Amino acid sequence: MGAVEQRLAELGLSVPEVVAPLAAYAPAVLDGSRVYVSGQVPMVDGVLAEAGHVGEGEGLVSPERAKELAAVCALNALAAVKSVAGDLDRVERVVKVVGFVASDPSFTGQPGVVNGASELFGAVFGEAGVHARSAVGVAALPLGAPVEVEVIVHLRD
């Protein structure tokens, strides 16, 4: 087990199996020293962990729960990275994170939700996990997911 997976274990986490594509795309593409990860939804053991729009109120996914689900998306992104890089210890830097939040029209807390992914990358990679980021509210996501995260990482040779 490498250092990155050891840090995950210390956090009580492990790299899951790569989420199978929902359509005609690859989970991740290696291009030179960069890995481009397709948008990852919060799938756990092949099942969407939760569906719905994020916001405050009955029938909505709470921002706190959505933040947890963003961390699940980040773990799925790490699985995709590992599938093409072979070893997460090759990750030199998390370069960019884009988070999409299926938002109730009145919800404006997308950055707090996407912090679930950002904080996980920081906990796992330290300074190398600090990245550029966008957090975008959208009307709907695949399978009704409340959050989706895509990532670009730079690898060591």
C-alpha atoms as a PDB file:
ATOM      1  CA  MET A   1       0.000   0.000   0.000  1.00  0.00           C
ATOM      2  CA  GLY A   2       1.403   3.379  -1.032  1.00  0.00           C
ATOM      3  CA  ALA A   3       1.540   6.553   1.046  1.00  0.00           C
ATOM      4  CA  VAL A   4      -1.657   8.023  -0.420  1.00  0.00           C
ATOM      5  CA  GLU A   5      -3.667   4.881   0.218  1.00  0.00           C
ATOM      6  CA  GLN A   6      -2.154   4.722   3.719  1.00  0.00           C
ATOM      7  CA  ARG A   7      -3.408   8.273   4.398  1.00  0.00           C
ATOM      8  CA  LEU A   8      -6.835   7.243   3.156  1.00  0.00           C
ATOM      9  CA  ALA A   9      -6.785   4.260   5.514  1.00  0.00           C
ATOM     10  CA  GLU A  10      -5.857   6.573   8.396  1.00  0.00           C
ATOM     11  CA  LEU A  11      -8.962   8.599   7.503  1.00  0.00           C
ATOM     12  CA  GLY A  12     -11.049   5.402   7.573  1.00  0.00           C
ATOM     13  CA  LEU A  13     -11.376   5.384   3.770  1.00  0.00           C
ATOM     14  CA  SER A  14     -10.219   3.251   0.882  1.00  0.00           C
ATOM     15  CA  VAL A  15     -10.110   3.575  -2.876  1.00  0.00           C
ATOM     16  CA  PRO A  16     -13.317   2.054  -4.278  1.00  0.00           C
ATOM     17  CA  GLU A  17     -13.726   0.193  -7.538  1.00  0.00           C
ATOM     18  CA  VAL A  18     -13.884   2.461 -10.585  1.00  0.00           C
ATOM     19  CA  VAL A  19     -17.454   3.518 -11.299  1.00  0.00           C
ATOM     20  CA  ALA A  20     -18.576   2.073 -14.614  1.00  0.00           C
ATOM     21  CA  PRO A  21     -19.347   4.754 -17.207  1.00  0.00           C
ATOM     22  CA  LEU A  22     -23.017   5.684 -17.503  1.00  0.00           C
ATOM     23  CA  ALA A  23     -22.670   6.455 -21.230  1.00  0.00           C
ATOM     24  CA  ALA A  24     -20.034   6.552 -24.010  1.00  0.00           C
ATOM     25  CA  TYR A  25     -16.922   7.864 -22.235  1.00  0.00           C
ATOM     26  CA  ALA A  26     -13.928   6.701 -20.191  1.00  0.00           C
ATOM     27  CA  PRO A  27     -13.771   7.284 -16.420  1.00  0.00           C
ATOM     28  CA  ALA A  28     -10.352   8.921 -16.871  1.00  0.00           C
ATOM     29  CA  VAL A  29      -7.925   9.731 -19.655  1.00  0.00           C
ATOM     30  CA  LEU A  30      -4.153   9.969 -19.257  1.00  0.00           C
ATOM     31  CA  ASP A  31      -2.634  12.592 -21.560  1.00  0.00           C
ATOM     32  CA  GLY A  32       1.081  13.009 -20.942  1.00  0.00           C
ATOM     33  CA  SER A  33       1.471  13.894 -17.276  1.00  0.00           C
ATOM     34  CA  ARG A  34      -2.175  14.916 -16.770  1.00  0.00           C
ATOM     35  CA  VAL A  35      -5.150  12.787 -15.848  1.00  0.00           C
ATOM     36  CA  TYR A  36      -8.546  14.150 -16.823  1.00  0.00           C
ATOM     37  CA  VAL A  37     -11.271  12.517 -14.744  1.00  0.00           C
ATOM     38  CA  SER A  38     -14.817  12.410 -16.065  1.00  0.00           C
ATOM     39  CA  GLY A  39     -17.524  13.730 -13.777  1.00  0.00           C
ATOM     40  CA  GLN A  40     -18.040  11.366 -10.858  1.00  0.00           C
ATOM     41  CA  VAL A  41     -21.371  11.038  -9.061  1.00  0.00           C
ATOM     42  CA  PRO A  42     -21.707   9.609  -5.532  1.00  0.00           C
ATOM     43  CA  MET A  43     -21.910   5.923  -6.436  1.00  0.00           C
ATOM     44  CA  VAL A  44     -21.213   3.408  -3.675  1.00  0.00           C
ATOM     45  CA  ASP A  45     -20.937  -0.262  -4.665  1.00  0.00           C
ATOM     46  CA  GLY A  46     -22.597   0.474  -7.994  1.00  0.00           C
ATOM     47  CA  VAL A  47     -25.581   2.326  -6.517  1.00  0.00           C
ATOM     48  CA  LEU A  48     -26.237   6.061  -6.297  1.00  0.00           C
ATOM     49  CA  ALA A  49     -25.891   6.907  -2.591  1.00  0.00           C
ATOM     50  CA  GLU A  50     -28.656   9.508  -2.704  1.00  0.00           C
ATOM     51  CA  ALA A  51     -30.705  11.414  -5.250  1.00  0.00           C
ATOM     52  CA  GLY A  52     -32.321  14.817  -5.191  1.00  0.00           C
ATOM     53  CA  HIS A  53     -31.742  18.535  -5.239  1.00  0.00           C
ATOM     54  CA  VAL A  54     -29.674  20.322  -2.624  1.00  0.00           C
ATOM     55  CA  GLY A  55     -31.185  22.958  -0.400  1.00  0.00           C
ATOM     56  CA  GLU A  56     -32.867  23.664   2.910  1.00  0.00           C
ATOM     57  CA  GLY A  57     -36.242  22.120   3.531  1.00  0.00           C
ATOM     58  CA  GLU A  58     -38.324  19.001   3.380  1.00  0.00           C
ATOM     59  CA  GLY A  59     -37.656  16.718   0.438  1.00  0.00           C
ATOM     60  CA  LEU A  60     -34.248  18.260  -0.312  1.00  0.00           C
ATOM     61  CA  VAL A  61     -30.760  16.884   0.249  1.00  0.00           C
ATOM     62  CA  SER A  62     -29.230  18.962   3.040  1.00  0.00           C
ATOM     63  CA  PRO A  63     -26.063  20.918   2.273  1.00  0.00           C
ATOM     64  CA  GLU A  64     -24.246  18.924   4.966  1.00  0.00           C
ATOM     65  CA  ARG A  65     -25.240  15.611   3.362  1.00  0.00           C
ATOM     66  CA  ALA A  66     -24.377  16.932  -0.100  1.00  0.00           C
ATOM     67  CA  LYS A  67     -20.904  17.866   1.205  1.00  0.00           C
ATOM     68  CA  GLU A  68     -20.461  14.249   2.365  1.00  0.00           C
ATOM     69  CA  LEU A  69     -21.572  13.059  -1.063  1.00  0.00           C
ATOM     70  CA  ALA A  70     -19.036  15.364  -2.734  1.00  0.00           C
ATOM     71  CA  ALA A  71     -16.338  13.534  -0.762  1.00  0.00           C
ATOM     72  CA  VAL A  72     -17.706  10.244  -2.148  1.00  0.00           C
ATOM     73  CA  CYS A  73     -17.390  11.735  -5.627  1.00  0.00           C
ATOM     74  CA  ALA A  74     -13.772  12.659  -4.836  1.00  0.00           C
ATOM     75  CA  LEU A  75     -13.024   9.082  -3.745  1.00  0.00           C
ATOM     76  CA  ASN A  76     -14.514   7.845  -7.002  1.00  0.00           C
ATOM     77  CA  ALA A  77     -12.299  10.321  -8.850  1.00  0.00           C
ATOM     78  CA  LEU A  78      -9.246   8.883  -7.068  1.00  0.00           C
ATOM     79  CA  ALA A  79     -10.293   5.412  -8.223  1.00  0.00           C
ATOM     80  CA  ALA A  80     -10.461   6.712 -11.789  1.00  0.00           C
ATOM     81  CA  VAL A  81      -7.014   8.323 -11.454  1.00  0.00           C
ATOM     82  CA  LYS A  82      -5.558   5.091 -10.097  1.00  0.00           C
ATOM     83  CA  SER A  83      -7.074   3.133 -12.987  1.00  0.00           C
ATOM     84  CA  VAL A  84      -4.900   5.000 -15.509  1.00  0.00           C
ATOM     85  CA  ALA A  85      -1.925   6.067 -13.357  1.00  0.00           C
ATOM     86  CA  GLY A  86      -1.442   2.713 -11.646  1.00  0.00           C
ATOM     87  CA  ASP A  87      -0.425   4.258  -8.321  1.00  0.00           C
ATOM     88  CA  LEU A  88      -1.884   7.274  -6.500  1.00  0.00           C
ATOM     89  CA  ASP A  89       1.603   8.094  -5.198  1.00  0.00           C
ATOM     90  CA  ARG A  90       2.302   9.368  -8.713  1.00  0.00           C
ATOM     91  CA  VAL A  91      -0.068  12.301  -8.119  1.00  0.00           C
ATOM     92  CA  GLU A  92       2.119  15.379  -7.862  1.00  0.00           C
ATOM     93  CA  ARG A  93      -0.733  17.883  -7.655  1.00  0.00           C
ATOM     94  CA  VAL A  94      -4.486  18.153  -7.836  1.00  0.00           C
ATOM     95  CA  VAL A  95      -4.732  20.904 -10.452  1.00  0.00           C
ATOM     96  CA  LYS A  96      -8.434  21.611 -10.926  1.00  0.00           C
ATOM     97  CA  VAL A  97     -11.732  20.514  -9.404  1.00  0.00           C
ATOM     98  CA  VAL A  98     -15.124  21.313 -10.894  1.00  0.00           C
ATOM     99  CA  GLY A  99     -18.162  20.566  -8.768  1.00  0.00           C
ATOM    100  CA  PHE A 100     -21.727  20.589 -10.046  1.00  0.00           C
ATOM    101  CA  VAL A 101     -24.542  20.802  -7.504  1.00  0.00           C
ATOM    102  CA  ALA A 102     -28.143  19.990  -8.452  1.00  0.00           C
ATOM    103  CA  SER A 103     -29.610  22.958  -6.637  1.00  0.00           C
ATOM    104  CA  ASP A 104     -33.010  24.017  -5.441  1.00  0.00           C
ATOM    105  CA  PRO A 105     -33.614  27.421  -7.107  1.00  0.00           C
ATOM    106  CA  SER A 106     -33.092  29.265  -3.816  1.00  0.00           C
ATOM    107  CA  PHE A 107     -29.858  27.452  -2.874  1.00  0.00           C
ATOM    108  CA  THR A 108     -26.610  29.417  -3.254  1.00  0.00           C
ATOM    109  CA  GLY A 109     -24.247  27.362  -1.073  1.00  0.00           C
ATOM    110  CA  GLN A 110     -22.572  25.391  -3.864  1.00  0.00           C
ATOM    111  CA  PRO A 111     -19.027  26.268  -2.684  1.00  0.00           C
ATOM    112  CA  GLY A 112     -19.705  24.739   0.745  1.00  0.00           C
ATOM    113  CA  VAL A 113     -20.967  21.531  -0.850  1.00  0.00           C
ATOM    114  CA  VAL A 114     -17.950  21.181  -3.147  1.00  0.00           C
ATOM    115  CA  ASN A 115     -15.712  21.712  -0.098  1.00  0.00           C
ATOM    116  CA  GLY A 116     -16.428  18.037   0.607  1.00  0.00           C
ATOM    117  CA  ALA A 117     -14.239  17.114  -2.356  1.00  0.00           C
ATOM    118  CA  SER A 118     -11.671  19.860  -1.791  1.00  0.00           C
ATOM    119  CA  GLU A 119     -11.213  18.998   1.877  1.00  0.00           C
ATOM    120  CA  LEU A 120     -10.737  15.324   1.054  1.00  0.00           C
ATOM    121  CA  PHE A 121      -8.025  16.141  -1.487  1.00  0.00           C
ATOM    122  CA  GLY A 122      -6.343  18.394   1.078  1.00  0.00           C
ATOM    123  CA  ALA A 123      -6.466  15.699   3.772  1.00  0.00           C
ATOM    124  CA  VAL A 124      -5.021  13.095   1.403  1.00  0.00           C
ATOM    125  CA  PHE A 125      -2.417  15.117  -0.524  1.00  0.00           C
ATOM    126  CA  GLY A 126      -1.625  18.012   1.825  1.00  0.00           C
ATOM    127  CA  GLU A 127      -0.303  21.066  -0.032  1.00  0.00           C
ATOM    128  CA  ALA A 128      -0.388  19.112  -3.304  1.00  0.00           C
ATOM    129  CA  GLY A 129      -4.161  18.811  -2.850  1.00  0.00           C
ATOM    130  CA  VAL A 130      -4.724  22.571  -3.002  1.00  0.00           C
ATOM    131  CA  HIS A 131      -6.298  23.288  -6.380  1.00  0.00           C
ATOM    132  CA  ALA A 132      -8.141  25.725  -8.607  1.00  0.00           C
ATOM    133  CA  ARG A 133     -11.894  25.143  -8.461  1.00  0.00           C
ATOM    134  CA  SER A 134     -15.348  25.963  -9.735  1.00  0.00           C
ATOM    135  CA  ALA A 135     -18.614  25.203  -7.908  1.00  0.00           C
ATOM    136  CA  VAL A 136     -21.641  25.446 -10.173  1.00  0.00           C
ATOM    137  CA  GLY A 137     -25.347  25.124  -9.463  1.00  0.00           C
ATOM    138  CA  VAL A 138     -27.283  23.182 -12.090  1.00  0.00           C
ATOM    139  CA  ALA A 139     -30.886  22.129 -12.675  1.00  0.00           C
ATOM    140  CA  ALA A 140     -30.215  18.378 -12.822  1.00  0.00           C
ATOM    141  CA  LEU A 141     -27.432  15.791 -12.901  1.00  0.00           C
ATOM    142  CA  PRO A 142     -27.210  12.217 -14.227  1.00  0.00           C
ATOM    143  CA  LEU A 143     -29.373   9.679 -12.359  1.00  0.00           C
ATOM    144  CA  GLY A 144     -30.744  12.513 -10.236  1.00  0.00           C
ATOM    145  CA  ALA A 145     -27.458  12.822  -8.344  1.00  0.00           C
ATOM    146  CA  PRO A 146     -27.207  15.829  -6.027  1.00  0.00           C
ATOM    147  CA  VAL A 147     -23.526  16.438  -6.819  1.00  0.00           C
ATOM    148  CA  GLU A 148     -20.934  15.579  -9.465  1.00  0.00           C
ATOM    149  CA  VAL A 149     -17.188  16.225  -9.343  1.00  0.00           C
ATOM    150  CA  GLU A 150     -14.589  16.225 -12.114  1.00  0.00           C
ATOM    151  CA  VAL A 151     -10.857  16.511 -11.516  1.00  0.00           C
ATOM    152  CA  ILE A 152      -7.576  17.150 -13.318  1.00  0.00           C
ATOM    153  CA  VAL A 153      -4.367  15.905 -11.676  1.00  0.00           C
ATOM    154  CA  HIS A 154      -0.705  16.202 -12.614  1.00  0.00           C
ATOM    155  CA  LEU A 155       1.448  13.074 -12.304  1.00  0.00           C
ATOM    156  CA  ARG A 156       5.118  12.585 -11.536  1.00  0.00           C
ATOM    157  CA  ASP A 157       7.044  10.602 -14.128  1.00  0.00           C
END
